[in-house]
Amino acid sequence: MQILIISDIHSNLTALDAVLADAGNVDAVWCLGDLVGYGPDPNECVQRIQELPNLVCLIGNHDAAAAGLIDITSFNNEARTAILWTQSILSPTNIEYLHGLSAHTVIDSVSLAHGSPRQPFWEYLLDSHTATQNFDHFETPFCFVGHSHLPVIFQMRDGNSYANLSIPEVHSCIDMTPRAILNPGS
């Protein structure tokens, strides 16, 4: 089964279409949130995502803010400006769609979260220390996260008390045993 895992589209329809074209035919799509924010095409991105096969889509912090679900005061000035603009043009149908999304879920042996298993909206997984603390917050062998826009893998090997960080190379094979937190990047 081929699964396309994407995250942090941020209203960039051109980039989304390029990724979808490059991926070709896939059996399922897992989107880790932040469909909207920053870019010029929030409605088009939300609509395009909904057309994808066997879609599992999470809500990210920018989605939640644009849909009026969370306060925007904790966002930086640029993000707040983008959120306010997005709120002004996002269709009621797309707002309703965002309202129906979850910040985390489990599919078979895989956990999905936007930010981290511990704090799905806000926490960035950028270092081994923070990642190590997050392994206690999901029970599946693997967890995919987005939010940071950086492709990275944290692995907890048997006997280790600290997660190893690695940055995957394009088209490389990844040994995901026994437990891993993976970010596909943006």
N, C-alpha and C. Protein backbone atom coordinates (compact mmCIF):
# COMPACT_ATOMS: atom_id res chain seq x y z
N MET A 1 0.84 -1.18 0.00
CA MET A 1 0.00 0.00 0.00
C MET A 1 0.89 1.24 0.00
N GLN A 2 0.65 2.15 -0.93
CA GLN A 2 1.41 3.39 -1.00
C GLN A 2 0.60 4.52 -0.38
N ILE A 3 1.19 5.15 0.65
CA ILE A 3 0.54 6.24 1.36
C ILE A 3 1.37 7.50 1.18
N LEU A 4 0.73 8.56 0.73
CA LEU A 4 1.36 9.86 0.64
C LEU A 4 1.11 10.59 1.95
N ILE A 5 2.19 11.02 2.61
CA ILE A 5 2.06 11.74 3.88
C ILE A 5 2.55 13.17 3.64
N ILE A 6 1.64 14.12 3.85
CA ILE A 6 1.94 15.52 3.59
C ILE A 6 1.58 16.36 4.81
N SER A 7 2.14 17.55 4.87
CA SER A 7 1.86 18.44 5.99
C SER A 7 2.17 19.87 5.62
N ASP A 8 1.53 20.78 6.32
CA ASP A 8 1.87 22.20 6.27
C ASP A 8 1.83 22.77 4.85
N ILE A 9 0.71 22.60 4.22
CA ILE A 9 0.49 23.11 2.87
C ILE A 9 0.37 24.64 2.89
N HIS A 10 -0.22 25.16 3.93
CA HIS A 10 -0.34 26.61 4.15
C HIS A 10 -0.84 27.37 2.93
N SER A 11 -1.94 26.89 2.36
CA SER A 11 -2.64 27.59 1.27
C SER A 11 -1.83 27.75 0.00
N ASN A 12 -0.84 26.89 -0.21
CA ASN A 12 0.01 26.97 -1.40
C ASN A 12 -0.44 25.90 -2.39
N LEU A 13 -1.42 26.25 -3.21
CA LEU A 13 -1.99 25.30 -4.16
C LEU A 13 -0.97 24.84 -5.20
N THR A 14 -0.11 25.74 -5.64
CA THR A 14 0.91 25.38 -6.63
C THR A 14 1.81 24.28 -6.08
N ALA A 15 2.26 24.42 -4.85
CA ALA A 15 3.12 23.41 -4.24
C ALA A 15 2.36 22.11 -4.01
N LEU A 16 1.12 22.21 -3.54
CA LEU A 16 0.31 21.01 -3.32
C LEU A 16 0.13 20.24 -4.62
N ASP A 17 -0.22 20.93 -5.69
CA ASP A 17 -0.39 20.26 -6.98
C ASP A 17 0.90 19.62 -7.46
N ALA A 18 2.04 20.27 -7.23
CA ALA A 18 3.33 19.71 -7.63
C ALA A 18 3.63 18.42 -6.86
N VAL A 19 3.36 18.43 -5.56
CA VAL A 19 3.59 17.23 -4.74
C VAL A 19 2.67 16.10 -5.19
N LEU A 20 1.41 16.41 -5.42
CA LEU A 20 0.46 15.38 -5.86
C LEU A 20 0.86 14.80 -7.21
N ALA A 21 1.31 15.65 -8.12
CA ALA A 21 1.75 15.16 -9.44
C ALA A 21 2.98 14.28 -9.31
N ASP A 22 3.91 14.68 -8.46
CA ASP A 22 5.14 13.90 -8.26
C ASP A 22 4.83 12.56 -7.61
N ALA A 23 3.87 12.53 -6.69
CA ALA A 23 3.53 11.29 -5.99
C ALA A 23 2.86 10.29 -6.92
N GLY A 24 2.14 10.75 -7.90
CA GLY A 24 1.44 9.84 -8.80
C GLY A 24 0.27 9.16 -8.10
N ASN A 25 -0.05 7.96 -8.53
CA ASN A 25 -1.17 7.22 -7.94
C ASN A 25 -0.77 6.65 -6.59
N VAL A 26 -1.53 6.99 -5.57
CA VAL A 26 -1.31 6.46 -4.23
C VAL A 26 -2.62 5.83 -3.75
N ASP A 27 -2.49 4.95 -2.77
CA ASP A 27 -3.67 4.29 -2.23
C ASP A 27 -4.38 5.11 -1.17
N ALA A 28 -3.63 5.97 -0.49
CA ALA A 28 -4.20 6.79 0.58
C ALA A 28 -3.35 8.03 0.76
N VAL A 29 -3.96 9.04 1.39
CA VAL A 29 -3.24 10.27 1.72
C VAL A 29 -3.49 10.58 3.18
N TRP A 30 -2.40 10.84 3.90
CA TRP A 30 -2.48 11.30 5.28
C TRP A 30 -1.94 12.72 5.30
N CYS A 31 -2.79 13.66 5.68
CA CYS A 31 -2.39 15.06 5.78
C CYS A 31 -2.31 15.43 7.25
N LEU A 32 -1.17 15.94 7.68
CA LEU A 32 -0.91 16.20 9.09
C LEU A 32 -1.28 17.60 9.54
N GLY A 33 -2.07 18.30 8.75
CA GLY A 33 -2.61 19.59 9.17
C GLY A 33 -1.92 20.80 8.59
N ASP A 34 -2.47 21.95 8.94
CA ASP A 34 -2.09 23.26 8.41
C ASP A 34 -2.30 23.33 6.91
N LEU A 35 -3.54 23.08 6.51
CA LEU A 35 -3.94 23.26 5.12
C LEU A 35 -3.88 24.73 4.73
N VAL A 36 -4.20 25.60 5.69
CA VAL A 36 -4.31 27.03 5.38
C VAL A 36 -3.27 27.84 6.15
N GLY A 37 -3.20 29.11 5.80
CA GLY A 37 -2.28 30.05 6.42
C GLY A 37 -1.17 30.43 5.47
N TYR A 38 -0.83 31.68 5.45
CA TYR A 38 0.27 32.26 4.67
C TYR A 38 0.00 32.38 3.18
N GLY A 39 -0.32 31.32 2.48
CA GLY A 39 -0.43 31.34 1.03
C GLY A 39 -1.74 31.92 0.51
N PRO A 40 -1.85 32.07 -0.83
CA PRO A 40 -2.98 32.77 -1.43
C PRO A 40 -4.22 31.92 -1.72
N ASP A 41 -4.18 30.61 -1.50
CA ASP A 41 -5.26 29.74 -1.98
C ASP A 41 -5.87 28.85 -0.89
N PRO A 42 -6.36 29.42 0.21
CA PRO A 42 -6.88 28.55 1.27
C PRO A 42 -8.10 27.73 0.85
N ASN A 43 -9.06 28.35 0.18
CA ASN A 43 -10.25 27.59 -0.23
C ASN A 43 -9.90 26.48 -1.20
N GLU A 44 -9.06 26.81 -2.17
CA GLU A 44 -8.68 25.82 -3.17
C GLU A 44 -7.91 24.65 -2.56
N CYS A 45 -7.06 24.92 -1.58
CA CYS A 45 -6.30 23.84 -0.93
C CYS A 45 -7.21 22.93 -0.11
N VAL A 46 -8.14 23.52 0.63
CA VAL A 46 -9.07 22.70 1.41
C VAL A 46 -9.91 21.84 0.47
N GLN A 47 -10.36 22.42 -0.62
CA GLN A 47 -11.17 21.65 -1.57
C GLN A 47 -10.36 20.55 -2.24
N ARG A 48 -9.14 20.84 -2.63
CA ARG A 48 -8.29 19.84 -3.31
C ARG A 48 -8.01 18.67 -2.36
N ILE A 49 -7.70 18.96 -1.12
CA ILE A 49 -7.42 17.91 -0.14
C ILE A 49 -8.61 16.96 -0.02
N GLN A 50 -9.81 17.51 0.00
CA GLN A 50 -11.00 16.68 0.17
C GLN A 50 -11.25 15.73 -1.00
N GLU A 51 -10.64 16.01 -2.14
CA GLU A 51 -10.80 15.16 -3.33
C GLU A 51 -9.88 13.95 -3.33
N LEU A 52 -8.93 13.89 -2.41
CA LEU A 52 -7.89 12.86 -2.45
C LEU A 52 -8.41 11.51 -1.96
N PRO A 53 -7.84 10.41 -2.47
CA PRO A 53 -8.33 9.07 -2.13
C PRO A 53 -7.99 8.67 -0.70
N ASN A 54 -8.94 8.01 -0.06
CA ASN A 54 -8.72 7.46 1.29
C ASN A 54 -7.99 8.45 2.18
N LEU A 55 -8.55 9.63 2.28
CA LEU A 55 -7.92 10.73 3.01
C LEU A 55 -8.13 10.62 4.51
N VAL A 56 -7.04 10.81 5.24
CA VAL A 56 -7.09 11.08 6.67
C VAL A 56 -6.44 12.44 6.83
N CYS A 57 -7.17 13.39 7.37
CA CYS A 57 -6.65 14.76 7.48
C CYS A 57 -6.81 15.26 8.91
N LEU A 58 -5.75 15.83 9.43
CA LEU A 58 -5.75 16.42 10.77
C LEU A 58 -5.90 17.93 10.67
N ILE A 59 -6.26 18.54 11.77
CA ILE A 59 -6.30 19.99 11.87
C ILE A 59 -4.99 20.47 12.49
N GLY A 60 -4.41 21.50 11.92
CA GLY A 60 -3.22 22.11 12.48
C GLY A 60 -3.57 23.40 13.20
N ASN A 61 -2.60 24.00 13.84
CA ASN A 61 -2.86 25.22 14.60
C ASN A 61 -3.34 26.37 13.70
N HIS A 62 -2.80 26.48 12.48
CA HIS A 62 -3.26 27.54 11.57
C HIS A 62 -4.69 27.27 11.09
N ASP A 63 -5.03 26.01 10.87
CA ASP A 63 -6.40 25.65 10.50
C ASP A 63 -7.36 26.02 11.62
N ALA A 64 -7.00 25.64 12.84
CA ALA A 64 -7.86 25.91 14.00
C ALA A 64 -8.04 27.41 14.21
N ALA A 65 -6.98 28.17 14.02
CA ALA A 65 -7.07 29.63 14.18
C ALA A 65 -7.94 30.24 13.09
N ALA A 66 -7.75 29.82 11.86
CA ALA A 66 -8.53 30.36 10.74
C ALA A 66 -10.01 29.99 10.88
N ALA A 67 -10.29 28.86 11.49
CA ALA A 67 -11.67 28.42 11.69
C ALA A 67 -12.28 28.98 12.97
N GLY A 68 -11.53 29.81 13.69
CA GLY A 68 -12.04 30.43 14.90
C GLY A 68 -12.09 29.52 16.11
N LEU A 69 -11.34 28.44 16.09
CA LEU A 69 -11.36 27.47 17.19
C LEU A 69 -10.36 27.78 18.29
N ILE A 70 -9.32 28.54 17.98
CA ILE A 70 -8.33 28.92 18.99
C ILE A 70 -8.00 30.40 18.85
N ASP A 71 -7.54 30.98 19.93
CA ASP A 71 -7.17 32.40 19.97
C ASP A 71 -5.90 32.62 19.14
N ILE A 72 -5.83 33.74 18.45
CA ILE A 72 -4.67 34.00 17.59
C ILE A 72 -3.61 34.87 18.25
N THR A 73 -3.79 35.26 19.50
CA THR A 73 -2.82 36.17 20.13
C THR A 73 -1.45 35.54 20.34
N SER A 74 -1.37 34.23 20.40
CA SER A 74 -0.06 33.59 20.61
C SER A 74 0.73 33.43 19.31
N PHE A 75 0.13 33.74 18.17
CA PHE A 75 0.83 33.67 16.88
C PHE A 75 1.68 34.92 16.69
N ASN A 76 2.75 34.81 15.91
CA ASN A 76 3.56 35.99 15.61
C ASN A 76 2.77 36.92 14.67
N ASN A 77 3.27 38.14 14.48
CA ASN A 77 2.55 39.15 13.69
C ASN A 77 2.22 38.70 12.28
N GLU A 78 3.20 38.08 11.61
CA GLU A 78 2.97 37.63 10.23
C GLU A 78 1.90 36.55 10.18
N ALA A 79 1.95 35.63 11.12
CA ALA A 79 0.95 34.56 11.15
C ALA A 79 -0.44 35.12 11.46
N ARG A 80 -0.52 36.05 12.41
CA ARG A 80 -1.81 36.67 12.73
C ARG A 80 -2.40 37.38 11.51
N THR A 81 -1.56 38.12 10.81
CA THR A 81 -2.03 38.82 9.61
C THR A 81 -2.56 37.82 8.58
N ALA A 82 -1.83 36.74 8.38
CA ALA A 82 -2.26 35.71 7.42
C ALA A 82 -3.56 35.04 7.88
N ILE A 83 -3.68 34.79 9.17
CA ILE A 83 -4.89 34.15 9.70
C ILE A 83 -6.10 35.06 9.51
N LEU A 84 -5.94 36.35 9.83
CA LEU A 84 -7.06 37.28 9.67
C LEU A 84 -7.50 37.37 8.21
N TRP A 85 -6.54 37.41 7.30
CA TRP A 85 -6.88 37.44 5.88
C TRP A 85 -7.58 36.15 5.48
N THR A 86 -7.06 35.01 5.93
CA THR A 86 -7.66 33.72 5.61
C THR A 86 -9.09 33.65 6.14
N GLN A 87 -9.29 34.12 7.37
CA GLN A 87 -10.64 34.13 7.94
C GLN A 87 -11.61 34.94 7.07
N SER A 88 -11.10 36.01 6.46
CA SER A 88 -11.97 36.89 5.68
C SER A 88 -12.41 36.27 4.35
N ILE A 89 -11.68 35.28 3.85
CA ILE A 89 -12.05 34.70 2.55
C ILE A 89 -12.42 33.22 2.61
N LEU A 90 -12.17 32.56 3.73
CA LEU A 90 -12.47 31.13 3.83
C LEU A 90 -13.99 30.92 3.77
N SER A 91 -14.42 30.02 2.91
CA SER A 91 -15.86 29.79 2.73
C SER A 91 -16.45 29.10 3.97
N PRO A 92 -17.75 29.32 4.23
CA PRO A 92 -18.40 28.64 5.34
C PRO A 92 -18.28 27.11 5.25
N THR A 93 -18.36 26.58 4.03
CA THR A 93 -18.23 25.13 3.84
C THR A 93 -16.84 24.65 4.26
N ASN A 94 -15.81 25.40 3.92
CA ASN A 94 -14.45 25.00 4.28
C ASN A 94 -14.18 25.20 5.76
N ILE A 95 -14.77 26.22 6.36
CA ILE A 95 -14.67 26.39 7.82
C ILE A 95 -15.31 25.20 8.51
N GLU A 96 -16.47 24.80 8.04
CA GLU A 96 -17.15 23.63 8.61
C GLU A 96 -16.29 22.37 8.47
N TYR A 97 -15.65 22.20 7.32
CA TYR A 97 -14.76 21.05 7.12
C TYR A 97 -13.63 21.06 8.15
N LEU A 98 -12.99 22.22 8.34
CA LEU A 98 -11.89 22.32 9.31
C LEU A 98 -12.38 22.02 10.72
N HIS A 99 -13.59 22.45 11.06
CA HIS A 99 -14.16 22.18 12.38
C HIS A 99 -14.28 20.68 12.64
N GLY A 100 -14.46 19.90 11.60
CA GLY A 100 -14.66 18.46 11.76
C GLY A 100 -13.39 17.64 11.88
N LEU A 101 -12.23 18.29 11.76
CA LEU A 101 -10.96 17.56 11.80
C LEU A 101 -10.45 17.40 13.23
N SER A 102 -9.70 16.34 13.46
CA SER A 102 -9.07 16.06 14.75
C SER A 102 -7.60 16.49 14.72
N ALA A 103 -7.04 16.78 15.88
CA ALA A 103 -5.63 17.17 15.97
C ALA A 103 -4.70 15.96 16.02
N HIS A 104 -5.25 14.79 16.29
CA HIS A 104 -4.44 13.56 16.31
C HIS A 104 -5.36 12.36 16.10
N THR A 105 -4.76 11.27 15.63
CA THR A 105 -5.53 10.04 15.42
C THR A 105 -4.57 8.86 15.38
N VAL A 106 -5.12 7.67 15.39
CA VAL A 106 -4.34 6.44 15.26
C VAL A 106 -4.95 5.62 14.13
N ILE A 107 -4.08 5.14 13.23
CA ILE A 107 -4.50 4.27 12.13
C ILE A 107 -3.65 3.01 12.24
N ASP A 108 -4.29 1.91 12.59
CA ASP A 108 -3.58 0.64 12.78
C ASP A 108 -2.41 0.83 13.74
N SER A 109 -1.18 0.67 13.27
CA SER A 109 -0.01 0.75 14.16
C SER A 109 0.71 2.09 14.03
N VAL A 110 -0.01 3.13 13.57
CA VAL A 110 0.62 4.43 13.34
C VAL A 110 -0.20 5.52 14.01
N SER A 111 0.48 6.38 14.76
CA SER A 111 -0.15 7.57 15.32
C SER A 111 0.15 8.76 14.42
N LEU A 112 -0.79 9.68 14.35
CA LEU A 112 -0.61 10.91 13.58
C LEU A 112 -0.94 12.09 14.48
N ALA A 113 -0.12 13.14 14.41
CA ALA A 113 -0.38 14.37 15.16
C ALA A 113 0.17 15.54 14.35
N HIS A 114 -0.41 16.69 14.54
CA HIS A 114 0.12 17.85 13.81
C HIS A 114 1.46 18.29 14.41
N GLY A 115 1.47 18.66 15.68
CA GLY A 115 2.69 19.17 16.30
C GLY A 115 3.52 18.09 16.96
N SER A 116 2.94 17.45 17.96
CA SER A 116 3.62 16.36 18.66
C SER A 116 2.55 15.49 19.31
N PRO A 117 2.90 14.27 19.72
CA PRO A 117 1.92 13.44 20.43
C PRO A 117 1.50 14.07 21.75
N ARG A 118 2.41 14.79 22.39
CA ARG A 118 2.13 15.39 23.70
C ARG A 118 1.28 16.65 23.58
N GLN A 119 1.58 17.50 22.61
CA GLN A 119 0.85 18.75 22.40
C GLN A 119 0.56 18.90 20.90
N PRO A 120 -0.55 18.32 20.43
CA PRO A 120 -0.79 18.24 18.99
C PRO A 120 -0.82 19.57 18.24
N PHE A 121 -1.18 20.67 18.89
CA PHE A 121 -1.22 21.94 18.17
C PHE A 121 0.10 22.70 18.20
N TRP A 122 0.79 22.71 19.31
CA TRP A 122 1.83 23.72 19.50
C TRP A 122 3.26 23.23 19.55
N GLU A 123 3.51 22.04 20.00
CA GLU A 123 4.90 21.65 20.26
C GLU A 123 5.64 21.29 18.98
N TYR A 124 6.83 21.87 18.84
CA TYR A 124 7.72 21.56 17.72
C TYR A 124 8.68 20.46 18.17
N LEU A 125 8.86 19.43 17.35
CA LEU A 125 9.86 18.40 17.63
C LEU A 125 11.10 18.70 16.79
N LEU A 126 12.06 19.36 17.43
CA LEU A 126 13.26 19.81 16.73
C LEU A 126 14.54 19.24 17.31
N ASP A 127 14.45 18.59 18.48
CA ASP A 127 15.66 18.08 19.12
C ASP A 127 15.37 16.75 19.81
N SER A 128 16.42 16.02 20.08
CA SER A 128 16.29 14.68 20.67
C SER A 128 15.67 14.70 22.05
N HIS A 129 15.96 15.72 22.84
CA HIS A 129 15.42 15.80 24.19
C HIS A 129 13.88 15.88 24.17
N THR A 130 13.35 16.80 23.38
CA THR A 130 11.90 16.96 23.28
C THR A 130 11.26 15.71 22.68
N ALA A 131 11.88 15.15 21.67
CA ALA A 131 11.35 13.93 21.05
C ALA A 131 11.32 12.78 22.05
N THR A 132 12.38 12.62 22.83
CA THR A 132 12.43 11.55 23.83
C THR A 132 11.25 11.64 24.78
N GLN A 133 10.93 12.83 25.23
CA GLN A 133 9.79 13.02 26.13
C GLN A 133 8.47 12.65 25.47
N ASN A 134 8.38 12.77 24.17
CA ASN A 134 7.14 12.49 23.46
C ASN A 134 6.88 11.01 23.23
N PHE A 135 7.89 10.17 23.31
CA PHE A 135 7.67 8.74 23.10
C PHE A 135 6.72 8.15 24.14
N ASP A 136 6.59 8.77 25.30
CA ASP A 136 5.65 8.30 26.32
C ASP A 136 4.21 8.71 26.02
N HIS A 137 3.99 9.47 24.97
CA HIS A 137 2.66 10.00 24.69
C HIS A 137 1.97 9.35 23.49
N PHE A 138 2.53 8.25 23.00
CA PHE A 138 1.83 7.44 22.00
C PHE A 138 2.24 6.00 22.19
N GLU A 139 1.32 5.08 21.90
CA GLU A 139 1.55 3.66 22.16
C GLU A 139 1.92 2.86 20.92
N THR A 140 1.71 3.41 19.76
CA THR A 140 1.99 2.70 18.51
C THR A 140 3.50 2.70 18.25
N PRO A 141 3.98 1.85 17.36
CA PRO A 141 5.41 1.86 17.05
C PRO A 141 5.87 3.15 16.37
N PHE A 142 4.98 3.78 15.60
CA PHE A 142 5.39 4.93 14.80
C PHE A 142 4.42 6.09 14.98
N CYS A 143 4.95 7.29 14.89
CA CYS A 143 4.13 8.49 14.93
C CYS A 143 4.65 9.46 13.88
N PHE A 144 3.74 9.96 13.05
CA PHE A 144 4.08 10.99 12.07
C PHE A 144 3.58 12.33 12.58
N VAL A 145 4.43 13.34 12.47
CA VAL A 145 4.09 14.70 12.89
C VAL A 145 4.46 15.68 11.78
N GLY A 146 3.92 16.86 11.86
CA GLY A 146 4.26 17.94 10.93
C GLY A 146 4.74 19.14 11.72
N HIS A 147 4.20 20.32 11.41
CA HIS A 147 4.34 21.55 12.17
C HIS A 147 5.68 22.27 12.00
N SER A 148 6.80 21.57 12.06
CA SER A 148 8.11 22.25 12.02
C SER A 148 8.59 22.52 10.59
N HIS A 149 7.99 21.87 9.62
CA HIS A 149 8.35 21.99 8.19
C HIS A 149 9.69 21.34 7.87
N LEU A 150 10.29 20.63 8.82
CA LEU A 150 11.61 20.03 8.62
C LEU A 150 11.52 18.51 8.57
N PRO A 151 12.05 17.88 7.51
CA PRO A 151 12.06 16.42 7.49
C PRO A 151 13.08 15.88 8.49
N VAL A 152 12.60 15.10 9.43
CA VAL A 152 13.49 14.57 10.47
C VAL A 152 12.89 13.27 11.02
N ILE A 153 13.77 12.42 11.53
CA ILE A 153 13.36 11.16 12.14
C ILE A 153 14.00 11.07 13.52
N PHE A 154 13.19 10.71 14.50
CA PHE A 154 13.69 10.42 15.84
C PHE A 154 13.39 8.95 16.11
N GLN A 155 14.42 8.18 16.48
CA GLN A 155 14.24 6.76 16.73
C GLN A 155 14.64 6.42 18.16
N MET A 156 13.82 5.58 18.78
CA MET A 156 14.11 5.08 20.11
C MET A 156 14.43 3.60 19.97
N ARG A 157 15.67 3.26 20.11
CA ARG A 157 16.11 1.87 19.95
C ARG A 157 16.06 1.16 21.30
N ASP A 158 15.94 -0.16 21.25
CA ASP A 158 15.90 -0.95 22.48
C ASP A 158 17.10 -0.64 23.35
N GLY A 159 16.83 -0.42 24.63
CA GLY A 159 17.91 -0.17 25.57
C GLY A 159 18.34 1.29 25.65
N ASN A 160 17.93 2.11 24.71
CA ASN A 160 18.29 3.52 24.74
C ASN A 160 17.27 4.30 25.57
N SER A 161 17.75 5.29 26.28
CA SER A 161 16.84 6.16 27.01
C SER A 161 16.73 7.52 26.33
N TYR A 162 17.33 7.63 25.14
CA TYR A 162 17.36 8.91 24.44
C TYR A 162 17.14 8.66 22.95
N ALA A 163 16.31 9.48 22.32
CA ALA A 163 16.00 9.31 20.89
C ALA A 163 17.15 9.79 20.02
N ASN A 164 17.47 9.00 19.01
CA ASN A 164 18.47 9.40 18.02
C ASN A 164 17.81 10.23 16.93
N LEU A 165 18.44 11.32 16.53
CA LEU A 165 17.93 12.19 15.48
C LEU A 165 18.66 11.90 14.19
N SER A 166 17.92 11.82 13.09
CA SER A 166 18.55 11.72 11.77
C SER A 166 17.73 12.51 10.76
N ILE A 167 18.41 12.97 9.73
CA ILE A 167 17.75 13.70 8.65
C ILE A 167 17.78 12.79 7.43
N PRO A 168 16.61 12.37 6.95
CA PRO A 168 16.58 11.42 5.84
C PRO A 168 17.02 12.06 4.52
N GLU A 169 17.63 11.25 3.69
CA GLU A 169 17.98 11.70 2.34
C GLU A 169 16.87 11.29 1.39
N VAL A 170 16.70 12.05 0.32
CA VAL A 170 15.67 11.75 -0.66
C VAL A 170 15.88 10.35 -1.24
N HIS A 171 14.81 9.60 -1.33
CA HIS A 171 14.79 8.24 -1.89
C HIS A 171 15.62 7.24 -1.08
N SER A 172 15.86 7.52 0.18
CA SER A 172 16.61 6.57 1.01
C SER A 172 15.63 5.64 1.71
N CYS A 173 16.09 4.44 2.03
CA CYS A 173 15.31 3.50 2.82
C CYS A 173 15.50 3.84 4.29
N ILE A 174 14.43 3.73 5.04
CA ILE A 174 14.48 4.11 6.45
C ILE A 174 14.16 2.90 7.30
N ASP A 175 15.05 2.57 8.22
CA ASP A 175 14.81 1.51 9.19
C ASP A 175 14.00 2.12 10.33
N MET A 176 12.75 1.74 10.44
CA MET A 176 11.86 2.36 11.42
C MET A 176 11.66 1.51 12.66
N THR A 177 12.56 0.60 12.94
CA THR A 177 12.36 -0.25 14.10
C THR A 177 13.21 0.24 15.26
N PRO A 178 12.80 0.00 16.49
CA PRO A 178 11.49 -0.47 16.89
C PRO A 178 10.45 0.64 17.03
N ARG A 179 10.86 1.89 17.38
CA ARG A 179 9.89 2.99 17.48
C ARG A 179 10.48 4.23 16.84
N ALA A 180 9.61 5.02 16.21
CA ALA A 180 10.10 6.22 15.54
C ALA A 180 9.03 7.30 15.49
N ILE A 181 9.50 8.54 15.55
CA ILE A 181 8.68 9.72 15.25
C ILE A 181 9.26 10.30 13.97
N LEU A 182 8.41 10.47 12.97
CA LEU A 182 8.88 10.91 11.65
C LEU A 182 8.13 12.17 11.22
N ASN A 183 8.86 13.12 10.67
CA ASN A 183 8.27 14.33 10.11
C ASN A 183 8.61 14.36 8.63
N PRO A 184 7.59 14.36 7.75
CA PRO A 184 7.88 14.38 6.31
C PRO A 184 8.36 15.73 5.80
N GLY A 185 8.31 16.75 6.64
CA GLY A 185 8.66 18.10 6.19
C GLY A 185 7.47 18.76 5.54
N SER A 186 7.72 19.87 4.90
CA SER A 186 6.62 20.64 4.30
C SER A 186 6.81 20.70 2.80
